[in-house]
Amino acid sequence: MRAKVPHGPNPHAAPEPEAEPKARERILSAATRLFCRYGINAVGVDAVVAEAATAKATLYKTFGSKERLVEAVLEREGAAWRDWFLGELLKGEAPARARLRRIFPVLREWFGDDAFFGCPFINAVAEHDKRDDRLRQIALAHKKVVLQTIARLAAEAGSRDPEGAAHQIGVLIDGAIVAAMITKDANVALLAGQTADLLIAGMVAEAA
């Protein structure tokens, strides 16, 4: 929605207070759609502002640069994905082992979505200038939150090395994401899940 154009003697009056947040949301949503579908490097600022139905000046006023826009998109997408993914793992009453076993069926649901284009963090780091560490640090911060939750569940399941177990499962998650992106086969999540089940069974044996 565009800001209302004021009427009266002052045509240069400031827009309504809610106009700028709405423009920010439109730009973020447009950039997310385009970056995920076509890649960050393939999408210029002109394409983003056209998709968002806003002015280039508004984008630069709001984010300062395309680089800062990319960072904002990743932080927003990461928060939304974590809310969904971790929420699915932790919902309801279930022992930690059962929650850990939800990981790959939940990922399969994501992989089967028409809007799945891979992990935005993996894609961004792969595309970005390797001499610039900012996107990698944002990706690591996202990954840290996910692995901390998995490590907590692993500890509750009886693992003697919950952080190590979480990193092993994290590698399986990353591999499944990349495989699903390449093959377009959501069932690769279940293959990774079979390996994860062996790790989880080992935790149970340790706790016995």
Protein backbone atom coordinates (compact mmCIF):
# COMPACT_ATOMS: atom_id res chain seq x y z
CA MET A 1 0.00 0.00 0.00
CA ARG A 2 1.31 3.43 -0.92
CA ALA A 3 1.39 6.29 1.58
CA LYS A 4 -1.58 8.64 1.24
CA VAL A 5 -0.83 11.82 -0.67
CA PRO A 6 -1.77 14.77 1.56
CA HIS A 7 -4.18 17.38 0.25
CA GLY A 8 -4.16 21.06 1.08
CA PRO A 9 -1.67 23.89 0.88
CA ASN A 10 1.39 21.85 1.88
CA PRO A 11 2.03 19.11 -0.72
CA HIS A 12 5.38 18.31 0.94
CA ALA A 13 3.96 17.32 4.31
CA ALA A 14 5.53 14.25 5.90
CA PRO A 15 3.82 10.91 5.16
CA GLU A 16 1.73 9.18 7.74
CA PRO A 17 3.85 7.62 10.53
CA GLU A 18 2.95 4.09 9.44
CA ALA A 19 4.05 4.63 5.83
CA GLU A 20 7.77 3.99 6.41
CA PRO A 21 7.30 0.68 8.28
CA LYS A 22 4.95 -0.45 5.51
CA ALA A 23 7.52 0.45 2.86
CA ARG A 24 10.21 -1.42 4.80
CA GLU A 25 8.02 -4.52 4.96
CA ARG A 26 7.21 -4.35 1.25
CA ILE A 27 10.88 -4.04 0.37
CA LEU A 28 11.88 -6.92 2.64
CA SER A 29 9.12 -9.15 1.28
CA ALA A 30 9.97 -8.31 -2.31
CA ALA A 31 13.70 -8.82 -1.78
CA THR A 32 13.08 -12.15 -0.05
CA ARG A 33 10.99 -13.46 -2.94
CA LEU A 34 13.49 -12.35 -5.56
CA PHE A 35 16.67 -13.36 -3.73
CA CYS A 36 15.30 -16.82 -2.94
CA ARG A 37 14.04 -17.47 -6.46
CA TYR A 38 16.83 -15.94 -8.56
CA GLY A 39 19.80 -15.48 -6.24
CA ILE A 40 21.23 -12.37 -4.60
CA ASN A 41 23.73 -11.48 -7.30
CA ALA A 42 21.18 -11.87 -10.09
CA VAL A 43 18.76 -9.38 -8.50
CA GLY A 44 19.53 -5.69 -8.63
CA VAL A 45 18.05 -2.85 -6.63
CA ASP A 46 15.88 -1.82 -9.60
CA ALA A 47 14.18 -5.23 -9.59
CA VAL A 48 13.55 -5.04 -5.84
CA VAL A 49 11.95 -1.59 -5.93
CA ALA A 50 9.83 -2.59 -8.94
CA GLU A 51 8.61 -5.70 -7.10
CA ALA A 52 7.96 -3.66 -3.95
CA ALA A 53 6.22 -0.84 -5.84
CA THR A 54 8.36 1.75 -4.11
CA ALA A 55 11.09 4.24 -4.98
CA LYS A 56 14.80 3.50 -5.09
CA ALA A 57 15.34 6.46 -2.78
CA THR A 58 13.07 4.80 -0.20
CA LEU A 59 15.14 1.62 -0.31
CA TYR A 60 18.39 3.48 0.22
CA LYS A 61 16.89 5.67 2.93
CA THR A 62 15.61 2.58 4.75
CA PHE A 63 18.55 0.20 4.34
CA GLY A 64 21.47 2.31 3.12
CA SER A 65 22.74 -0.22 0.57
CA LYS A 66 21.93 -3.52 -1.09
CA GLU A 67 24.38 -5.22 1.29
CA ARG A 68 22.45 -4.00 4.35
CA LEU A 69 19.20 -5.07 2.67
CA VAL A 70 20.60 -8.58 2.19
CA GLU A 71 21.56 -8.71 5.87
CA ALA A 72 18.10 -7.55 6.92
CA VAL A 73 16.46 -10.18 4.71
CA LEU A 74 18.61 -12.94 6.21
CA GLU A 75 17.93 -11.85 9.79
CA ARG A 76 14.18 -11.66 9.12
CA GLU A 77 14.05 -14.98 7.28
CA GLY A 78 16.20 -16.66 9.91
CA ALA A 79 13.94 -15.53 12.74
CA ALA A 80 10.82 -16.70 10.90
CA TRP A 81 12.36 -20.06 10.01
CA ARG A 82 13.57 -20.69 13.56
CA ASP A 83 10.15 -19.83 14.97
CA TRP A 84 8.58 -22.39 12.65
CA PHE A 85 11.20 -25.15 12.82
CA LEU A 86 11.93 -25.03 16.54
CA GLY A 87 8.24 -24.58 17.27
CA GLU A 88 7.53 -27.82 15.41
CA LEU A 89 10.20 -29.67 17.38
CA LEU A 90 9.09 -28.39 20.77
CA LYS A 91 5.30 -28.38 20.47
CA GLY A 92 3.20 -30.67 22.61
CA GLU A 93 4.25 -33.22 25.19
CA ALA A 94 6.96 -35.61 24.05
CA PRO A 95 10.27 -37.01 25.31
CA ALA A 96 13.46 -35.47 23.97
CA ARG A 97 14.20 -38.49 21.77
CA ALA A 98 10.87 -38.10 20.01
CA ARG A 99 11.48 -34.39 19.50
CA LEU A 100 14.86 -35.13 17.92
CA ARG A 101 13.24 -37.65 15.60
CA ARG A 102 10.86 -34.93 14.39
CA ILE A 103 13.72 -32.98 12.81
CA PHE A 104 13.83 -34.66 9.43
CA PRO A 105 10.09 -35.23 8.92
CA VAL A 106 9.68 -31.50 9.61
CA LEU A 107 12.40 -30.72 7.07
CA ARG A 108 10.65 -32.98 4.55
CA GLU A 109 7.56 -30.80 4.90
CA TRP A 110 9.68 -27.73 4.11
CA PHE A 111 11.42 -29.41 1.17
CA GLY A 112 8.05 -30.30 -0.35
CA ASP A 113 6.85 -26.70 -0.37
CA ASP A 114 6.73 -25.03 -3.80
CA ALA A 115 8.48 -22.01 -2.25
CA PHE A 116 11.51 -24.08 -1.16
CA PHE A 117 14.65 -22.79 -2.85
CA GLY A 118 17.19 -24.04 -0.32
CA CYS A 119 18.55 -22.39 2.78
CA PRO A 120 18.93 -18.61 2.32
CA PHE A 121 22.04 -18.66 4.51
CA ILE A 122 23.78 -21.40 2.55
CA ASN A 123 22.82 -19.68 -0.70
CA ALA A 124 23.99 -16.26 0.46
CA VAL A 125 27.36 -17.44 1.77
CA ALA A 126 27.93 -19.45 -1.43
CA GLU A 127 27.22 -16.40 -3.60
CA HIS A 128 28.97 -13.75 -1.55
CA ASP A 129 32.51 -12.40 -1.76
CA LYS A 130 34.49 -14.80 0.42
CA ARG A 131 36.67 -11.93 1.65
CA ASP A 132 33.63 -10.36 3.33
CA ASP A 133 32.75 -12.25 6.51
CA ARG A 134 29.51 -10.48 7.46
CA LEU A 135 27.04 -12.87 5.87
CA ARG A 136 28.92 -15.88 7.20
CA GLN A 137 28.69 -14.44 10.72
CA ILE A 138 24.94 -13.91 10.33
CA ALA A 139 24.62 -17.52 9.12
CA LEU A 140 26.66 -18.78 12.07
CA ALA A 141 24.48 -16.85 14.54
CA HIS A 142 21.39 -18.47 13.02
CA LYS A 143 22.97 -21.91 13.12
CA LYS A 144 24.07 -21.42 16.73
CA VAL A 145 20.50 -20.93 17.94
CA VAL A 146 19.31 -24.06 16.12
CA LEU A 147 22.19 -26.20 17.37
CA GLN A 148 21.75 -24.98 20.94
CA THR A 149 18.18 -26.27 20.94
CA ILE A 150 19.23 -29.59 19.42
CA ALA A 151 22.06 -29.91 21.96
CA ARG A 152 19.61 -29.32 24.81
CA LEU A 153 17.36 -32.06 23.48
CA ALA A 154 20.35 -34.36 23.04
CA ALA A 155 21.35 -33.77 26.67
CA GLU A 156 17.81 -34.57 27.81
CA ALA A 157 17.93 -37.73 25.68
CA GLY A 158 21.03 -38.88 27.55
CA SER A 159 23.90 -37.94 25.25
CA ARG A 160 27.26 -37.66 26.98
CA ASP A 161 28.36 -35.17 24.31
CA PRO A 162 25.24 -33.19 23.44
CA GLU A 163 27.10 -30.43 21.59
CA GLY A 164 28.94 -32.98 19.48
CA ALA A 165 25.68 -34.78 18.75
CA ALA A 166 24.05 -31.50 17.78
CA HIS A 167 26.87 -30.71 15.34
CA GLN A 168 26.54 -34.17 13.79
CA ILE A 169 22.81 -33.67 13.32
CA GLY A 170 23.51 -30.16 12.02
CA VAL A 171 25.76 -31.57 9.30
CA LEU A 172 22.96 -33.96 8.32
CA ILE A 173 20.51 -31.05 8.20
CA ASP A 174 22.78 -28.99 5.96
CA GLY A 175 23.44 -31.95 3.68
CA ALA A 176 19.75 -32.73 3.38
CA ILE A 177 18.95 -29.10 2.52
CA VAL A 178 21.52 -28.99 -0.27
CA ALA A 179 20.49 -32.42 -1.60
CA ALA A 180 16.82 -31.41 -1.61
CA MET A 181 17.62 -28.18 -3.43
CA ILE A 182 19.56 -30.03 -6.14
CA THR A 183 17.33 -33.09 -6.55
CA LYS A 184 13.94 -31.51 -5.82
CA ASP A 185 13.23 -34.69 -3.86
CA ALA A 186 11.76 -34.01 -0.42
CA ASN A 187 12.40 -37.60 0.63
CA VAL A 188 16.14 -37.00 1.01
CA ALA A 189 15.15 -35.68 4.44
CA LEU A 190 14.06 -39.17 5.43
CA LEU A 191 17.37 -40.65 4.27
CA ALA A 192 19.23 -38.19 6.48
CA GLY A 193 16.76 -39.01 9.24
CA GLN A 194 17.75 -42.68 9.11
CA THR A 195 21.33 -41.72 9.93
CA ALA A 196 20.12 -39.36 12.65
CA ASP A 197 18.10 -42.21 14.17
CA LEU A 198 21.34 -44.16 14.66
CA LEU A 199 22.81 -41.20 16.55
CA ILE A 200 19.69 -40.88 18.68
CA ALA A 201 19.67 -44.62 19.42
CA GLY A 202 23.26 -44.25 20.59
CA MET A 203 22.19 -41.54 23.01
CA VAL A 204 19.59 -43.85 24.48
CA ALA A 205 22.22 -46.57 24.90
CA GLU A 206 24.53 -44.11 26.67
CA ALA A 207 21.74 -43.18 29.06
CA ALA A 208 20.89 -46.80 29.88
